[in-house]
């Protein structure tokens, strides 16, 4: 039965996981708002910082994202000076690196992200690590 003001409980795994993903994304986005980054941008800055000049394909695979949507997000981030496109060994391939604005933004947002991360861990309680591991395991199995 639907209860106004409360999330609906779904029997569908996909609907339930998407609902949870939207809710947690909203929590992270709200926390990061004053940094000027969304959780998507923060995650991409983090990935680009960890991967040596990744290609769009590398990021799309690592994040289980659609390349077209990811490319649009990367172009917006490039326009905003967060990231820069660099040439790879093959001049036809695009690779990405953090720009100076991206490095500063990431550094400024990291403590905020850590704080919201702790907040979510408290909400999840003893199940936090298990839930994170289960989500990773599901992503891994579904991408095989």
C-alpha atoms as a PDB file:
ATOM      1  CA  UNK A   1       0.000   0.000   0.000  1.00  0.00           C
ATOM      2  CA  UNK A   2       1.262   3.460  -0.911  1.00  0.00           C
ATOM      3  CA  UNK A   3       1.996   5.844   1.960  1.00  0.00           C
ATOM      4  CA  UNK A   4       2.308   9.485   0.846  1.00  0.00           C
ATOM      5  CA  UNK A   5       5.680  10.987   1.674  1.00  0.00           C
ATOM      6  CA  UNK A   6       7.407   7.605   1.899  1.00  0.00           C
ATOM      7  CA  UNK A   7       9.242   5.732  -0.856  1.00  0.00           C
ATOM      8  CA  UNK A   8       7.227   2.942  -2.422  1.00  0.00           C
ATOM      9  CA  UNK A   9       8.405  -0.629  -1.862  1.00  0.00           C
ATOM     10  CA  UNK A  10       8.866  -2.494  -5.136  1.00  0.00           C
ATOM     11  CA  UNK A  11       9.011  -6.232  -5.819  1.00  0.00           C
ATOM     12  CA  UNK A  12      11.227  -5.452  -8.833  1.00  0.00           C
ATOM     13  CA  UNK A  13      14.969  -5.533  -8.054  1.00  0.00           C
ATOM     14  CA  UNK A  14      15.726  -3.002 -10.762  1.00  0.00           C
ATOM     15  CA  UNK A  15      13.114  -0.499  -9.554  1.00  0.00           C
ATOM     16  CA  UNK A  16      14.238  -0.908  -5.943  1.00  0.00           C
ATOM     17  CA  UNK A  17      17.931  -0.415  -6.747  1.00  0.00           C
ATOM     18  CA  UNK A  18      17.211   2.590  -8.997  1.00  0.00           C
ATOM     19  CA  UNK A  19      15.075   4.127  -6.264  1.00  0.00           C
ATOM     20  CA  UNK A  20      17.883   3.656  -3.736  1.00  0.00           C
ATOM     21  CA  UNK A  21      20.465   5.018  -6.206  1.00  0.00           C
ATOM     22  CA  UNK A  22      18.374   8.167  -6.781  1.00  0.00           C
ATOM     23  CA  UNK A  23      17.862   8.696  -3.052  1.00  0.00           C
ATOM     24  CA  UNK A  24      21.534   8.296  -2.161  1.00  0.00           C
ATOM     25  CA  UNK A  25      22.617  10.436  -5.143  1.00  0.00           C
ATOM     26  CA  UNK A  26      20.335  13.212  -3.903  1.00  0.00           C
ATOM     27  CA  UNK A  27      21.942  12.999  -0.448  1.00  0.00           C
ATOM     28  CA  UNK A  28      25.475  13.257  -1.874  1.00  0.00           C
ATOM     29  CA  UNK A  29      24.480  16.012  -4.331  1.00  0.00           C
ATOM     30  CA  UNK A  30      22.944  18.063  -1.515  1.00  0.00           C
ATOM     31  CA  UNK A  31      26.082  17.677   0.602  1.00  0.00           C
ATOM     32  CA  UNK A  32      28.378  18.600  -2.303  1.00  0.00           C
ATOM     33  CA  UNK A  33      26.240  21.503  -3.558  1.00  0.00           C
ATOM     34  CA  UNK A  34      28.429  24.229  -2.008  1.00  0.00           C
ATOM     35  CA  UNK A  35      31.529  22.747  -3.658  1.00  0.00           C
ATOM     36  CA  UNK A  36      29.998  23.273  -7.101  1.00  0.00           C
ATOM     37  CA  UNK A  37      30.231  19.557  -7.922  1.00  0.00           C
ATOM     38  CA  UNK A  38      27.624  16.845  -8.284  1.00  0.00           C
ATOM     39  CA  UNK A  39      28.341  13.320  -7.079  1.00  0.00           C
ATOM     40  CA  UNK A  40      28.697  12.280 -10.736  1.00  0.00           C
ATOM     41  CA  UNK A  41      31.358  14.936 -11.334  1.00  0.00           C
ATOM     42  CA  UNK A  42      33.106  14.108  -8.061  1.00  0.00           C
ATOM     43  CA  UNK A  43      33.178  10.411  -8.970  1.00  0.00           C
ATOM     44  CA  UNK A  44      34.582  11.155 -12.424  1.00  0.00           C
ATOM     45  CA  UNK A  45      37.270  13.460 -11.002  1.00  0.00           C
ATOM     46  CA  UNK A  46      38.182  10.690  -8.560  1.00  0.00           C
ATOM     47  CA  UNK A  47      38.339   8.090 -11.332  1.00  0.00           C
ATOM     48  CA  UNK A  48      40.407  10.314 -13.620  1.00  0.00           C
ATOM     49  CA  UNK A  49      42.778  11.063 -10.734  1.00  0.00           C
ATOM     50  CA  UNK A  50      43.238   7.311 -10.109  1.00  0.00           C
ATOM     51  CA  UNK A  51      43.519   6.147 -13.721  1.00  0.00           C
ATOM     52  CA  UNK A  52      46.431   7.258 -15.926  1.00  0.00           C
ATOM     53  CA  UNK A  53      44.778   9.412 -18.608  1.00  0.00           C
ATOM     54  CA  UNK A  54      41.727   7.181 -19.145  1.00  0.00           C
ATOM     55  CA  UNK A  55      39.777   6.967 -22.388  1.00  0.00           C
ATOM     56  CA  UNK A  56      36.000   7.359 -22.400  1.00  0.00           C
ATOM     57  CA  UNK A  57      35.765   3.562 -22.836  1.00  0.00           C
ATOM     58  CA  UNK A  58      37.910   2.986 -19.725  1.00  0.00           C
ATOM     59  CA  UNK A  59      35.685   5.234 -17.616  1.00  0.00           C
ATOM     60  CA  UNK A  60      32.463   3.822 -19.075  1.00  0.00           C
ATOM     61  CA  UNK A  61      33.557   0.262 -18.262  1.00  0.00           C
ATOM     62  CA  UNK A  62      34.763   1.103 -14.763  1.00  0.00           C
ATOM     63  CA  UNK A  63      31.538   2.935 -13.926  1.00  0.00           C
ATOM     64  CA  UNK A  64      29.095   0.744 -15.908  1.00  0.00           C
ATOM     65  CA  UNK A  65      27.940   3.874 -17.745  1.00  0.00           C
ATOM     66  CA  UNK A  66      26.677   4.468 -21.256  1.00  0.00           C
ATOM     67  CA  UNK A  67      29.462   6.026 -23.380  1.00  0.00           C
ATOM     68  CA  UNK A  68      27.172   8.613 -24.975  1.00  0.00           C
ATOM     69  CA  UNK A  69      25.905   9.967 -21.642  1.00  0.00           C
ATOM     70  CA  UNK A  70      29.404   9.844 -20.207  1.00  0.00           C
ATOM     71  CA  UNK A  71      30.831  11.760 -23.193  1.00  0.00           C
ATOM     72  CA  UNK A  72      28.256  14.534 -22.687  1.00  0.00           C
ATOM     73  CA  UNK A  73      29.170  14.790 -19.000  1.00  0.00           C
ATOM     74  CA  UNK A  74      32.891  14.851 -19.801  1.00  0.00           C
ATOM     75  CA  UNK A  75      32.380  17.628 -22.383  1.00  0.00           C
ATOM     76  CA  UNK A  76      30.518  19.721 -19.796  1.00  0.00           C
ATOM     77  CA  UNK A  77      33.280  19.127 -17.272  1.00  0.00           C
ATOM     78  CA  UNK A  78      35.852  20.090 -19.899  1.00  0.00           C
ATOM     79  CA  UNK A  79      33.941  23.292 -20.687  1.00  0.00           C
ATOM     80  CA  UNK A  80      33.965  24.130 -16.954  1.00  0.00           C
ATOM     81  CA  UNK A  81      37.734  23.569 -16.756  1.00  0.00           C
ATOM     82  CA  UNK A  82      37.478  20.551 -14.449  1.00  0.00           C
ATOM     83  CA  UNK A  83      39.165  18.196 -16.894  1.00  0.00           C
ATOM     84  CA  UNK A  84      41.231  18.482 -20.048  1.00  0.00           C
ATOM     85  CA  UNK A  85      41.437  16.311 -23.108  1.00  0.00           C
ATOM     86  CA  UNK A  86      44.877  15.033 -24.061  1.00  0.00           C
ATOM     87  CA  UNK A  87      46.049  13.018 -27.048  1.00  0.00           C
ATOM     88  CA  UNK A  88      46.872   9.367 -26.599  1.00  0.00           C
ATOM     89  CA  UNK A  89      49.506   7.305 -28.415  1.00  0.00           C
ATOM     90  CA  UNK A  90      46.951   6.961 -31.198  1.00  0.00           C
ATOM     91  CA  UNK A  91      46.062  10.553 -32.123  1.00  0.00           C
ATOM     92  CA  UNK A  92      42.471   9.497 -32.835  1.00  0.00           C
ATOM     93  CA  UNK A  93      41.795   8.549 -29.233  1.00  0.00           C
ATOM     94  CA  UNK A  94      40.856  11.049 -26.557  1.00  0.00           C
ATOM     95  CA  UNK A  95      42.203  10.727 -23.071  1.00  0.00           C
ATOM     96  CA  UNK A  96      41.318  12.751 -20.008  1.00  0.00           C
ATOM     97  CA  UNK A  97      43.253  14.371 -17.205  1.00  0.00           C
ATOM     98  CA  UNK A  98      42.329  16.662 -14.333  1.00  0.00           C
ATOM     99  CA  UNK A  99      42.648  20.344 -15.067  1.00  0.00           C
ATOM    100  CA  UNK A 100      43.850  22.778 -12.381  1.00  0.00           C
ATOM    101  CA  UNK A 101      40.227  23.723 -11.555  1.00  0.00           C
ATOM    102  CA  UNK A 102      39.357  20.024 -11.295  1.00  0.00           C
ATOM    103  CA  UNK A 103      42.265  19.334  -8.958  1.00  0.00           C
ATOM    104  CA  UNK A 104      41.239  22.229  -6.697  1.00  0.00           C
ATOM    105  CA  UNK A 105      37.551  21.304  -6.811  1.00  0.00           C
ATOM    106  CA  UNK A 106      38.294  17.669  -6.002  1.00  0.00           C
ATOM    107  CA  UNK A 107      40.576  18.635  -3.115  1.00  0.00           C
ATOM    108  CA  UNK A 108      37.932  21.020  -1.720  1.00  0.00           C
ATOM    109  CA  UNK A 109      35.105  18.457  -2.114  1.00  0.00           C
ATOM    110  CA  UNK A 110      36.949  15.464  -0.633  1.00  0.00           C
ATOM    111  CA  UNK A 111      36.323  16.322   3.062  1.00  0.00           C
ATOM    112  CA  UNK A 112      32.652  17.010   2.265  1.00  0.00           C
ATOM    113  CA  UNK A 113      32.396  13.647   0.512  1.00  0.00           C
ATOM    114  CA  UNK A 114      34.058  11.923   3.487  1.00  0.00           C
ATOM    115  CA  UNK A 115      31.535  13.527   5.822  1.00  0.00           C
ATOM    116  CA  UNK A 116      28.510  12.418   3.797  1.00  0.00           C
ATOM    117  CA  UNK A 117      30.106   8.985   3.421  1.00  0.00           C
ATOM    118  CA  UNK A 118      30.249   8.669   7.231  1.00  0.00           C
ATOM    119  CA  UNK A 119      26.648   9.882   7.446  1.00  0.00           C
ATOM    120  CA  UNK A 120      25.496   7.174   5.025  1.00  0.00           C
ATOM    121  CA  UNK A 121      27.504   4.547   6.932  1.00  0.00           C
ATOM    122  CA  UNK A 122      25.641   5.569  10.106  1.00  0.00           C
ATOM    123  CA  UNK A 123      22.294   5.301   8.299  1.00  0.00           C
ATOM    124  CA  UNK A 124      23.162   1.822   7.026  1.00  0.00           C
ATOM    125  CA  UNK A 125      24.612   0.720  10.348  1.00  0.00           C
ATOM    126  CA  UNK A 126      26.298  -2.657  10.626  1.00  0.00           C
ATOM    127  CA  UNK A 127      25.154  -3.545   7.095  1.00  0.00           C
ATOM    128  CA  UNK A 128      27.108  -0.739   5.359  1.00  0.00           C
ATOM    129  CA  UNK A 129      30.103  -2.785   4.164  1.00  0.00           C
ATOM    130  CA  UNK A 130      27.925  -5.771   3.264  1.00  0.00           C
ATOM    131  CA  UNK A 131      25.586  -3.603   1.180  1.00  0.00           C
ATOM    132  CA  UNK A 132      28.520  -1.950  -0.614  1.00  0.00           C
ATOM    133  CA  UNK A 133      30.098  -5.333  -1.329  1.00  0.00           C
ATOM    134  CA  UNK A 134      26.792  -6.759  -2.565  1.00  0.00           C
ATOM    135  CA  UNK A 135      26.317  -3.789  -4.931  1.00  0.00           C
ATOM    136  CA  UNK A 136      29.833  -4.264  -6.310  1.00  0.00           C
ATOM    137  CA  UNK A 137      29.312  -8.011  -6.694  1.00  0.00           C
ATOM    138  CA  UNK A 138      26.020  -7.441  -8.528  1.00  0.00           C
ATOM    139  CA  UNK A 139      27.684  -4.928 -10.893  1.00  0.00           C
ATOM    140  CA  UNK A 140      30.492  -7.378 -11.565  1.00  0.00           C
ATOM    141  CA  UNK A 141      28.159 -10.312 -12.274  1.00  0.00           C
ATOM    142  CA  UNK A 142      25.889  -8.272 -14.523  1.00  0.00           C
ATOM    143  CA  UNK A 143      28.799  -7.002 -16.623  1.00  0.00           C
ATOM    144  CA  UNK A 144      30.110 -10.487 -17.416  1.00  0.00           C
END
